[in-house]
């Protein structure tokens, strides 16, 4: 995690995963959170999430389509993580964290 002094209101977070399982070799992630400058009547943030995943040679086609299953689950999980990150950041920014 790094908050550059020359960019107040900005935070960068980097993460790495060197080995996960049989199919995933590694991953690199970068998250940037930047306060929206200017309009104090409508405060907000910009949230940028970048992820790079490296997979082993995934078998495709045939009886067991591992590649198709992995890609499908990865898309579902990515959409879920992004929705969750949006909800949590909005709640935290408006001070409603933990409220029903």
PDB file of N, CA and C in Angstrom:
ATOM      1  N   UNK A   1       0.852  -1.157   0.000  1.00  0.00           N
ATOM      2  CA  UNK A   1       0.000   0.000   0.000  1.00  0.00           C
ATOM      3  C   UNK A   1       0.904   1.227   0.000  1.00  0.00           C
ATOM      4  N   UNK A   2       0.534   2.233  -0.807  1.00  0.00           N
ATOM      5  CA  UNK A   2       1.342   3.441  -0.917  1.00  0.00           C
ATOM      6  C   UNK A   2       0.431   4.629  -1.143  1.00  0.00           C
ATOM      7  N   UNK A   3       0.620   5.670  -0.360  1.00  0.00           N
ATOM      8  CA  UNK A   3      -0.099   6.930  -0.523  1.00  0.00           C
ATOM      9  C   UNK A   3       0.927   7.988  -0.908  1.00  0.00           C
ATOM     10  N   UNK A   4       1.061   8.303  -2.200  1.00  0.00           N
ATOM     11  CA  UNK A   4       2.095   9.238  -2.636  1.00  0.00           C
ATOM     12  C   UNK A   4       1.873  10.631  -2.062  1.00  0.00           C
ATOM     13  N   UNK A   5       2.915  11.224  -1.444  1.00  0.00           N
ATOM     14  CA  UNK A   5       2.761  12.550  -0.843  1.00  0.00           C
ATOM     15  C   UNK A   5       2.459  13.634  -1.873  1.00  0.00           C
ATOM     16  N   UNK A   6       2.910  13.447  -3.115  1.00  0.00           N
ATOM     17  CA  UNK A   6       2.662  14.455  -4.147  1.00  0.00           C
ATOM     18  C   UNK A   6       1.245  14.370  -4.719  1.00  0.00           C
ATOM     19  N   UNK A   7       0.496  13.325  -4.345  1.00  0.00           N
ATOM     20  CA  UNK A   7      -0.889  13.161  -4.788  1.00  0.00           C
ATOM     21  C   UNK A   7      -1.803  12.932  -3.589  1.00  0.00           C
ATOM     22  N   UNK A   8      -2.105  13.977  -2.822  1.00  0.00           N
ATOM     23  CA  UNK A   8      -2.976  13.793  -1.662  1.00  0.00           C
ATOM     24  C   UNK A   8      -4.357  13.292  -2.097  1.00  0.00           C
ATOM     25  N   UNK A   9      -4.909  12.412  -1.309  1.00  0.00           N
ATOM     26  CA  UNK A   9      -6.209  11.843  -1.648  1.00  0.00           C
ATOM     27  C   UNK A   9      -6.120  10.632  -2.553  1.00  0.00           C
ATOM     28  N   UNK A  10      -4.901  10.127  -2.779  1.00  0.00           N
ATOM     29  CA  UNK A  10      -4.702   8.958  -3.635  1.00  0.00           C
ATOM     30  C   UNK A  10      -4.024   7.840  -2.856  1.00  0.00           C
ATOM     31  N   UNK A  11      -4.450   6.626  -3.104  1.00  0.00           N
ATOM     32  CA  UNK A  11      -3.829   5.452  -2.491  1.00  0.00           C
ATOM     33  C   UNK A  11      -3.696   4.370  -3.552  1.00  0.00           C
ATOM     34  N   UNK A  12      -2.530   3.724  -3.573  1.00  0.00           N
ATOM     35  CA  UNK A  12      -2.277   2.621  -4.492  1.00  0.00           C
ATOM     36  C   UNK A  12      -2.034   1.356  -3.683  1.00  0.00           C
ATOM     37  N   UNK A  13      -2.587   0.251  -4.138  1.00  0.00           N
ATOM     38  CA  UNK A  13      -2.416  -1.033  -3.462  1.00  0.00           C
ATOM     39  C   UNK A  13      -2.000  -2.057  -4.498  1.00  0.00           C
ATOM     40  N   UNK A  14      -0.883  -2.727  -4.268  1.00  0.00           N
ATOM     41  CA  UNK A  14      -0.411  -3.780  -5.172  1.00  0.00           C
ATOM     42  C   UNK A  14      -0.439  -5.109  -4.434  1.00  0.00           C
ATOM     43  N   UNK A  15      -0.769  -6.171  -5.160  1.00  0.00           N
ATOM     44  CA  UNK A  15      -0.778  -7.501  -4.561  1.00  0.00           C
ATOM     45  C   UNK A  15      -0.267  -8.506  -5.581  1.00  0.00           C
ATOM     46  N   UNK A  16       0.300  -9.590  -5.072  1.00  0.00           N
ATOM     47  CA  UNK A  16       0.782 -10.639  -5.964  1.00  0.00           C
ATOM     48  C   UNK A  16       0.442 -11.998  -5.383  1.00  0.00           C
ATOM     49  N   UNK A  17       0.292 -12.945  -6.279  1.00  0.00           N
ATOM     50  CA  UNK A  17       0.040 -14.328  -5.912  1.00  0.00           C
ATOM     51  C   UNK A  17       0.934 -15.161  -6.808  1.00  0.00           C
ATOM     52  N   UNK A  18       1.884 -15.855  -6.222  1.00  0.00           N
ATOM     53  CA  UNK A  18       2.853 -16.585  -7.028  1.00  0.00           C
ATOM     54  C   UNK A  18       2.387 -17.971  -7.443  1.00  0.00           C
ATOM     55  N   UNK A  19       1.586 -18.609  -6.659  1.00  0.00           N
ATOM     56  CA  UNK A  19       1.068 -19.919  -7.024  1.00  0.00           C
ATOM     57  C   UNK A  19      -0.237 -20.138  -6.285  1.00  0.00           C
ATOM     58  N   UNK A  20      -1.238 -20.625  -6.986  1.00  0.00           N
ATOM     59  CA  UNK A  20      -2.525 -20.826  -6.340  1.00  0.00           C
ATOM     60  C   UNK A  20      -2.961 -22.281  -6.369  1.00  0.00           C
ATOM     61  N   UNK A  21      -3.008 -22.898  -7.537  1.00  0.00           N
ATOM     62  CA  UNK A  21      -3.472 -24.281  -7.624  1.00  0.00           C
ATOM     63  C   UNK A  21      -2.970 -24.911  -8.922  1.00  0.00           C
ATOM     64  N   UNK A  22      -3.607 -25.972  -9.312  1.00  0.00           N
ATOM     65  CA  UNK A  22      -3.168 -26.726 -10.478  1.00  0.00           C
ATOM     66  C   UNK A  22      -3.227 -25.919 -11.775  1.00  0.00           C
ATOM     67  N   UNK A  23      -4.202 -25.028 -11.919  1.00  0.00           N
ATOM     68  CA  UNK A  23      -4.400 -24.299 -13.168  1.00  0.00           C
ATOM     69  C   UNK A  23      -3.869 -22.873 -13.149  1.00  0.00           C
ATOM     70  N   UNK A  24      -3.853 -22.227 -12.003  1.00  0.00           N
ATOM     71  CA  UNK A  24      -3.434 -20.829 -11.905  1.00  0.00           C
ATOM     72  C   UNK A  24      -1.983 -20.755 -11.459  1.00  0.00           C
ATOM     73  N   UNK A  25      -1.137 -20.152 -12.295  1.00  0.00           N
ATOM     74  CA  UNK A  25       0.280 -20.003 -11.950  1.00  0.00           C
ATOM     75  C   UNK A  25       0.524 -18.818 -11.034  1.00  0.00           C
ATOM     76  N   UNK A  26      -0.130 -17.706 -11.303  1.00  0.00           N
ATOM     77  CA  UNK A  26       0.108 -16.520 -10.494  1.00  0.00           C
ATOM     78  C   UNK A  26      -0.805 -15.385 -10.905  1.00  0.00           C
ATOM     79  N   UNK A  27      -0.779 -14.322 -10.101  1.00  0.00           N
ATOM     80  CA  UNK A  27      -1.623 -13.164 -10.369  1.00  0.00           C
ATOM     81  C   UNK A  27      -0.945 -11.911  -9.841  1.00  0.00           C
ATOM     82  N   UNK A  28      -1.256 -10.786 -10.472  1.00  0.00           N
ATOM     83  CA  UNK A  28      -0.776  -9.484 -10.042  1.00  0.00           C
ATOM     84  C   UNK A  28      -1.965  -8.547 -10.040  1.00  0.00           C
ATOM     85  N   UNK A  29      -2.134  -7.802  -8.976  1.00  0.00           N
ATOM     86  CA  UNK A  29      -3.250  -6.875  -8.882  1.00  0.00           C
ATOM     87  C   UNK A  29      -2.784  -5.484  -8.510  1.00  0.00           C
ATOM     88  N   UNK A  30      -3.456  -4.483  -9.050  1.00  0.00           N
ATOM     89  CA  UNK A  30      -3.190  -3.093  -8.698  1.00  0.00           C
ATOM     90  C   UNK A  30      -4.524  -2.396  -8.507  1.00  0.00           C
ATOM     91  N   UNK A  31      -4.701  -1.779  -7.356  1.00  0.00           N
ATOM     92  CA  UNK A  31      -5.913  -1.042  -7.049  1.00  0.00           C
ATOM     93  C   UNK A  31      -5.544   0.400  -6.752  1.00  0.00           C
ATOM     94  N   UNK A  32      -6.265   1.333  -7.346  1.00  0.00           N
ATOM     95  CA  UNK A  32      -6.036   2.757  -7.106  1.00  0.00           C
ATOM     96  C   UNK A  32      -7.339   3.382  -6.622  1.00  0.00           C
ATOM     97  N   UNK A  33      -7.241   4.167  -5.547  1.00  0.00           N
ATOM     98  CA  UNK A  33      -8.382   4.892  -5.011  1.00  0.00           C
ATOM     99  C   UNK A  33      -8.007   6.366  -4.997  1.00  0.00           C
ATOM    100  N   UNK A  34      -8.815   7.190  -5.672  1.00  0.00           N
ATOM    101  CA  UNK A  34      -8.519   8.616  -5.787  1.00  0.00           C
ATOM    102  C   UNK A  34      -9.774   9.396  -5.435  1.00  0.00           C
ATOM    103  N   UNK A  35      -9.625  10.374  -4.515  1.00  0.00           N
ATOM    104  CA  UNK A  35     -10.745  11.247  -4.185  1.00  0.00           C
ATOM    105  C   UNK A  35     -11.109  12.091  -5.389  1.00  0.00           C
ATOM    106  N   UNK A  36     -12.417  12.270  -5.595  1.00  0.00           N
ATOM    107  CA  UNK A  36     -12.901  13.125  -6.677  1.00  0.00           C
ATOM    108  C   UNK A  36     -12.662  14.569  -6.257  1.00  0.00           C
ATOM    109  N   UNK A  37     -11.906  15.288  -7.026  1.00  0.00           N
ATOM    110  CA  UNK A  37     -11.593  16.683  -6.689  1.00  0.00           C
ATOM    111  C   UNK A  37     -12.684  17.604  -7.207  1.00  0.00           C
ATOM    112  N   UNK A  38     -12.806  18.727  -6.548  1.00  0.00           N
ATOM    113  CA  UNK A  38     -13.698  19.772  -7.057  1.00  0.00           C
ATOM    114  C   UNK A  38     -15.027  19.850  -6.343  1.00  0.00           C
ATOM    115  N   UNK A  39     -16.038  19.199  -6.860  1.00  0.00           N
ATOM    116  CA  UNK A  39     -17.418  19.342  -6.422  1.00  0.00           C
ATOM    117  C   UNK A  39     -17.612  18.799  -5.006  1.00  0.00           C
ATOM    118  N   UNK A  40     -17.625  19.678  -4.017  1.00  0.00           N
ATOM    119  CA  UNK A  40     -17.812  19.263  -2.624  1.00  0.00           C
ATOM    120  C   UNK A  40     -19.267  18.925  -2.314  1.00  0.00           C
ATOM    121  N   UNK A  41     -20.203  19.372  -3.164  1.00  0.00           N
ATOM    122  CA  UNK A  41     -21.615  19.048  -2.958  1.00  0.00           C
ATOM    123  C   UNK A  41     -21.887  17.576  -3.276  1.00  0.00           C
ATOM    124  N   UNK A  42     -21.120  17.005  -4.190  1.00  0.00           N
ATOM    125  CA  UNK A  42     -21.267  15.603  -4.577  1.00  0.00           C
ATOM    126  C   UNK A  42     -19.922  14.895  -4.454  1.00  0.00           C
ATOM    127  N   UNK A  43     -19.478  14.621  -3.214  1.00  0.00           N
ATOM    128  CA  UNK A  43     -18.172  13.974  -3.061  1.00  0.00           C
ATOM    129  C   UNK A  43     -18.195  12.550  -3.592  1.00  0.00           C
ATOM    130  N   UNK A  44     -17.037  12.058  -3.979  1.00  0.00           N
ATOM    131  CA  UNK A  44     -16.951  10.703  -4.493  1.00  0.00           C
ATOM    132  C   UNK A  44     -15.507  10.283  -4.655  1.00  0.00           C
ATOM    133  N   UNK A  45     -15.336   9.077  -5.140  1.00  0.00           N
ATOM    134  CA  UNK A  45     -14.004   8.548  -5.400  1.00  0.00           C
ATOM    135  C   UNK A  45     -13.986   7.872  -6.755  1.00  0.00           C
ATOM    136  N   UNK A  46     -12.794   7.714  -7.271  1.00  0.00           N
ATOM    137  CA  UNK A  46     -12.572   6.863  -8.427  1.00  0.00           C
ATOM    138  C   UNK A  46     -11.883   5.615  -7.912  1.00  0.00           C
ATOM    139  N   UNK A  47     -12.378   4.459  -8.305  1.00  0.00           N
ATOM    140  CA  UNK A  47     -11.800   3.181  -7.899  1.00  0.00           C
ATOM    141  C   UNK A  47     -11.444   2.411  -9.158  1.00  0.00           C
ATOM    142  N   UNK A  48     -10.152   2.112  -9.309  1.00  0.00           N
ATOM    143  CA  UNK A  48      -9.668   1.370 -10.472  1.00  0.00           C
ATOM    144  C   UNK A  48      -9.032   0.080  -9.969  1.00  0.00           C
ATOM    145  N   UNK A  49      -9.500  -1.050 -10.483  1.00  0.00           N
ATOM    146  CA  UNK A  49      -8.975  -2.360 -10.097  1.00  0.00           C
ATOM    147  C   UNK A  49      -8.453  -3.048 -11.351  1.00  0.00           C
ATOM    148  N   UNK A  50      -7.158  -3.365 -11.355  1.00  0.00           N
ATOM    149  CA  UNK A  50      -6.540  -4.085 -12.470  1.00  0.00           C
ATOM    150  C   UNK A  50      -6.029  -5.414 -11.950  1.00  0.00           C
ATOM    151  N   UNK A  51      -6.319  -6.473 -12.683  1.00  0.00           N
ATOM    152  CA  UNK A  51      -5.822  -7.798 -12.293  1.00  0.00           C
ATOM    153  C   UNK A  51      -5.299  -8.505 -13.525  1.00  0.00           C
ATOM    154  N   UNK A  52      -4.159  -9.117 -13.378  1.00  0.00           N
ATOM    155  CA  UNK A  52      -3.564  -9.907 -14.453  1.00  0.00           C
ATOM    156  C   UNK A  52      -3.338 -11.306 -13.907  1.00  0.00           C
ATOM    157  N   UNK A  53      -3.940 -12.294 -14.545  1.00  0.00           N
ATOM    158  CA  UNK A  53      -3.833 -13.675 -14.109  1.00  0.00           C
ATOM    159  C   UNK A  53      -3.075 -14.473 -15.164  1.00  0.00           C
ATOM    160  N   UNK A  54      -2.242 -15.395 -14.719  1.00  0.00           N
ATOM    161  CA  UNK A  54      -1.531 -16.259 -15.653  1.00  0.00           C
ATOM    162  C   UNK A  54      -1.932 -17.703 -15.377  1.00  0.00           C
ATOM    163  N   UNK A  55      -2.528 -18.320 -16.383  1.00  0.00           N
ATOM    164  CA  UNK A  55      -2.991 -19.686 -16.243  1.00  0.00           C
ATOM    165  C   UNK A  55      -2.041 -20.648 -16.921  1.00  0.00           C
ATOM    166  N   UNK A  56      -2.028 -21.856 -16.409  1.00  0.00           N
ATOM    167  CA  UNK A  56      -1.329 -22.950 -17.045  1.00  0.00           C
ATOM    168  C   UNK A  56      -2.056 -23.248 -18.358  1.00  0.00           C
ATOM    169  N   UNK A  57      -1.557 -24.153 -19.145  1.00  0.00           N
ATOM    170  CA  UNK A  57      -2.206 -24.538 -20.386  1.00  0.00           C
ATOM    171  C   UNK A  57      -3.490 -25.296 -20.045  1.00  0.00           C
ATOM    172  N   UNK A  58      -4.625 -24.608 -20.126  1.00  0.00           N
ATOM    173  CA  UNK A  58      -5.912 -25.197 -19.752  1.00  0.00           C
ATOM    174  C   UNK A  58      -6.470 -26.030 -20.900  1.00  0.00           C
ATOM    175  N   UNK A  59      -6.816 -27.292 -20.649  1.00  0.00           N
ATOM    176  CA  UNK A  59      -7.401 -28.107 -21.712  1.00  0.00           C
ATOM    177  C   UNK A  59      -8.799 -27.597 -22.069  1.00  0.00           C
ATOM    178  N   UNK A  60      -9.097 -27.610 -23.371  1.00  0.00           N
ATOM    179  CA  UNK A  60     -10.429 -27.175 -23.807  1.00  0.00           C
ATOM    180  C   UNK A  60     -10.997 -28.200 -24.779  1.00  0.00           C
ATOM    181  N   UNK A  61     -12.306 -28.174 -24.913  1.00  0.00           N
ATOM    182  CA  UNK A  61     -12.979 -29.110 -25.803  1.00  0.00           C
ATOM    183  C   UNK A  61     -13.036 -30.497 -25.187  1.00  0.00           C
ATOM    184  N   UNK A  62     -13.518 -31.435 -25.932  1.00  0.00           N
ATOM    185  CA  UNK A  62     -13.598 -32.800 -25.427  1.00  0.00           C
ATOM    186  C   UNK A  62     -14.675 -32.955 -24.371  1.00  0.00           C
ATOM    187  N   UNK A  63     -14.541 -34.002 -23.586  1.00  0.00           N
ATOM    188  CA  UNK A  63     -15.535 -34.290 -22.542  1.00  0.00           C
ATOM    189  C   UNK A  63     -15.450 -33.307 -21.381  1.00  0.00           C
ATOM    190  N   UNK A  64     -14.238 -32.916 -21.037  1.00  0.00           N
ATOM    191  CA  UNK A  64     -14.058 -31.992 -19.909  1.00  0.00           C
ATOM    192  C   UNK A  64     -13.448 -30.702 -20.443  1.00  0.00           C
ATOM    193  N   UNK A  65     -14.260 -29.651 -20.493  1.00  0.00           N
ATOM    194  CA  UNK A  65     -13.805 -28.356 -20.990  1.00  0.00           C
ATOM    195  C   UNK A  65     -13.379 -27.491 -19.796  1.00  0.00           C
ATOM    196  N   UNK A  66     -12.178 -27.737 -19.307  1.00  0.00           N
ATOM    197  CA  UNK A  66     -11.680 -27.006 -18.134  1.00  0.00           C
ATOM    198  C   UNK A  66     -11.559 -25.521 -18.442  1.00  0.00           C
ATOM    199  N   UNK A  67     -11.044 -25.187 -19.614  1.00  0.00           N
ATOM    200  CA  UNK A  67     -10.859 -23.783 -20.000  1.00  0.00           C
ATOM    201  C   UNK A  67     -12.188 -23.017 -19.946  1.00  0.00           C
ATOM    202  N   UNK A  68     -13.238 -23.580 -20.521  1.00  0.00           N
ATOM    203  CA  UNK A  68     -14.545 -22.928 -20.515  1.00  0.00           C
ATOM    204  C   UNK A  68     -15.095 -22.736 -19.110  1.00  0.00           C
ATOM    205  N   UNK A  69     -14.918 -23.764 -18.266  1.00  0.00           N
ATOM    206  CA  UNK A  69     -15.402 -23.661 -16.889  1.00  0.00           C
ATOM    207  C   UNK A  69     -14.637 -22.595 -16.113  1.00  0.00           C
ATOM    208  N   UNK A  70     -13.317 -22.568 -16.272  1.00  0.00           N
ATOM    209  CA  UNK A  70     -12.499 -21.580 -15.555  1.00  0.00           C
ATOM    210  C   UNK A  70     -12.856 -20.170 -16.004  1.00  0.00           C
ATOM    211  N   UNK A  71     -12.988 -19.959 -17.309  1.00  0.00           N
ATOM    212  CA  UNK A  71     -13.316 -18.629 -17.822  1.00  0.00           C
ATOM    213  C   UNK A  71     -14.698 -18.189 -17.335  1.00  0.00           C
ATOM    214  N   UNK A  72     -15.672 -19.088 -17.367  1.00  0.00           N
ATOM    215  CA  UNK A  72     -17.012 -18.753 -16.897  1.00  0.00           C
ATOM    216  C   UNK A  72     -17.032 -18.380 -15.424  1.00  0.00           C
ATOM    217  N   UNK A  73     -16.374 -19.191 -14.589  1.00  0.00           N
ATOM    218  CA  UNK A  73     -16.329 -18.909 -13.149  1.00  0.00           C
ATOM    219  C   UNK A  73     -15.561 -17.618 -12.867  1.00  0.00           C
ATOM    220  N   UNK A  74     -14.491 -17.377 -13.628  1.00  0.00           N
ATOM    221  CA  UNK A  74     -13.705 -16.160 -13.444  1.00  0.00           C
ATOM    222  C   UNK A  74     -14.528 -14.920 -13.772  1.00  0.00           C
ATOM    223  N   UNK A  75     -15.313 -14.980 -14.826  1.00  0.00           N
ATOM    224  CA  UNK A  75     -16.182 -13.843 -15.173  1.00  0.00           C
ATOM    225  C   UNK A  75     -17.230 -13.593 -14.091  1.00  0.00           C
ATOM    226  N   UNK A  76     -17.849 -14.665 -13.608  1.00  0.00           N
ATOM    227  CA  UNK A  76     -18.854 -14.529 -12.543  1.00  0.00           C
ATOM    228  C   UNK A  76     -18.231 -13.929 -11.289  1.00  0.00           C
ATOM    229  N   UNK A  77     -17.068 -14.446 -10.907  1.00  0.00           N
ATOM    230  CA  UNK A  77     -16.394 -13.980  -9.696  1.00  0.00           C
ATOM    231  C   UNK A  77     -15.938 -12.530  -9.832  1.00  0.00           C
ATOM    232  N   UNK A  78     -15.451 -12.157 -11.004  1.00  0.00           N
ATOM    233  CA  UNK A  78     -15.018 -10.773 -11.235  1.00  0.00           C
ATOM    234  C   UNK A  78     -16.198  -9.817 -11.100  1.00  0.00           C
ATOM    235  N   UNK A  79     -17.323 -10.157 -11.704  1.00  0.00           N
ATOM    236  CA  UNK A  79     -18.521  -9.318 -11.601  1.00  0.00           C
ATOM    237  C   UNK A  79     -18.965  -9.192 -10.146  1.00  0.00           C
ATOM    238  N   UNK A  80     -18.923 -10.287  -9.400  1.00  0.00           N
ATOM    239  CA  UNK A  80     -19.310 -10.276  -7.993  1.00  0.00           C
ATOM    240  C   UNK A  80     -18.368  -9.407  -7.156  1.00  0.00           C
ATOM    241  N   UNK A  81     -17.067  -9.545  -7.380  1.00  0.00           N
ATOM    242  CA  UNK A  81     -16.076  -8.757  -6.627  1.00  0.00           C
ATOM    243  C   UNK A  81     -16.246  -7.272  -6.929  1.00  0.00           C
ATOM    244  N   UNK A  82     -16.466  -6.913  -8.185  1.00  0.00           N
ATOM    245  CA  UNK A  82     -16.636  -5.501  -8.542  1.00  0.00           C
ATOM    246  C   UNK A  82     -17.908  -4.913  -7.940  1.00  0.00           C
ATOM    247  N   UNK A  83     -19.010  -5.676  -7.963  1.00  0.00           N
ATOM    248  CA  UNK A  83     -20.246  -5.195  -7.327  1.00  0.00           C
ATOM    249  C   UNK A  83     -20.037  -4.977  -5.837  1.00  0.00           C
ATOM    250  N   UNK A  84     -19.366  -5.937  -5.183  1.00  0.00           N
ATOM    251  CA  UNK A  84     -19.096  -5.838  -3.749  1.00  0.00           C
ATOM    252  C   UNK A  84     -18.189  -4.653  -3.440  1.00  0.00           C
ATOM    253  N   UNK A  85     -17.147  -4.443  -4.228  1.00  0.00           N
ATOM    254  CA  UNK A  85     -16.238  -3.313  -4.015  1.00  0.00           C
ATOM    255  C   UNK A  85     -16.973  -1.984  -4.180  1.00  0.00           C
ATOM    256  N   UNK A  86     -17.847  -1.904  -5.165  1.00  0.00           N
ATOM    257  CA  UNK A  86     -18.627  -0.684  -5.371  1.00  0.00           C
ATOM    258  C   UNK A  86     -19.531  -0.410  -4.177  1.00  0.00           C
ATOM    259  N   UNK A  87     -20.236  -1.422  -3.720  1.00  0.00           N
ATOM    260  CA  UNK A  87     -21.140  -1.262  -2.585  1.00  0.00           C
ATOM    261  C   UNK A  87     -20.388  -0.851  -1.324  1.00  0.00           C
ATOM    262  N   UNK A  88     -19.278  -1.564  -1.027  1.00  0.00           N
ATOM    263  CA  UNK A  88     -18.511  -1.247   0.185  1.00  0.00           C
ATOM    264  C   UNK A  88     -17.896   0.142   0.129  1.00  0.00           C
ATOM    265  N   UNK A  89     -17.379   0.552  -1.023  1.00  0.00           N
ATOM    266  CA  UNK A  89     -16.765   1.873  -1.118  1.00  0.00           C
ATOM    267  C   UNK A  89     -17.815   2.974  -1.009  1.00  0.00           C
ATOM    268  N   UNK A  90     -18.996   2.762  -1.603  1.00  0.00           N
ATOM    269  CA  UNK A  90     -20.062   3.753  -1.477  1.00  0.00           C
ATOM    270  C   UNK A  90     -20.531   3.879  -0.042  1.00  0.00           C
ATOM    271  N   UNK A  91     -20.705   2.758   0.653  1.00  0.00           N
ATOM    272  CA  UNK A  91     -21.131   2.787   2.056  1.00  0.00           C
ATOM    273  C   UNK A  91     -20.081   3.461   2.933  1.00  0.00           C
ATOM    274  N   UNK A  92     -18.824   3.135   2.724  1.00  0.00           N
ATOM    275  CA  UNK A  92     -17.753   3.723   3.538  1.00  0.00           C
ATOM    276  C   UNK A  92     -17.640   5.219   3.280  1.00  0.00           C
ATOM    277  N   UNK A  93     -17.797   5.628   2.046  1.00  0.00           N
ATOM    278  CA  UNK A  93     -17.627   7.040   1.711  1.00  0.00           C
ATOM    279  C   UNK A  93     -18.767   7.888   2.250  1.00  0.00           C
ATOM    280  N   UNK A  94     -19.962   7.325   2.323  1.00  0.00           N
ATOM    281  CA  UNK A  94     -21.105   8.087   2.831  1.00  0.00           C
ATOM    282  C   UNK A  94     -21.308   7.878   4.333  1.00  0.00           C
ATOM    283  N   UNK A  95     -20.464   7.054   4.944  1.00  0.00           N
ATOM    284  CA  UNK A  95     -20.570   6.850   6.387  1.00  0.00           C
ATOM    285  C   UNK A  95     -21.634   5.863   6.789  1.00  0.00           C
ATOM    286  N   UNK A  96     -22.104   5.030   5.868  1.00  0.00           N
ATOM    287  CA  UNK A  96     -23.158   4.058   6.182  1.00  0.00           C
ATOM    288  C   UNK A  96     -22.603   2.659   6.365  1.00  0.00           C
ATOM    289  N   UNK A  97     -21.315   2.509   6.524  1.00  0.00           N
ATOM    290  CA  UNK A  97     -20.713   1.175   6.627  1.00  0.00           C
ATOM    291  C   UNK A  97     -21.354   0.387   7.753  1.00  0.00           C
ATOM    292  N   UNK A  98     -21.788  -0.815   7.432  1.00  0.00           N
ATOM    293  CA  UNK A  98     -22.368  -1.704   8.435  1.00  0.00           C
ATOM    294  C   UNK A  98     -23.848  -1.492   8.661  1.00  0.00           C
ATOM    295  N   UNK A  99     -24.455  -0.468   8.030  1.00  0.00           N
ATOM    296  CA  UNK A  99     -25.884  -0.265   8.242  1.00  0.00           C
ATOM    297  C   UNK A  99     -26.681  -1.152   7.313  1.00  0.00           C
ATOM    298  N   UNK A 100     -27.898  -1.564   7.715  1.00  0.00           N
ATOM    299  CA  UNK A 100     -28.717  -2.459   6.884  1.00  0.00           C
ATOM    300  C   UNK A 100     -29.274  -1.779   5.676  1.00  0.00           C
TER     301      UNK A 100
END
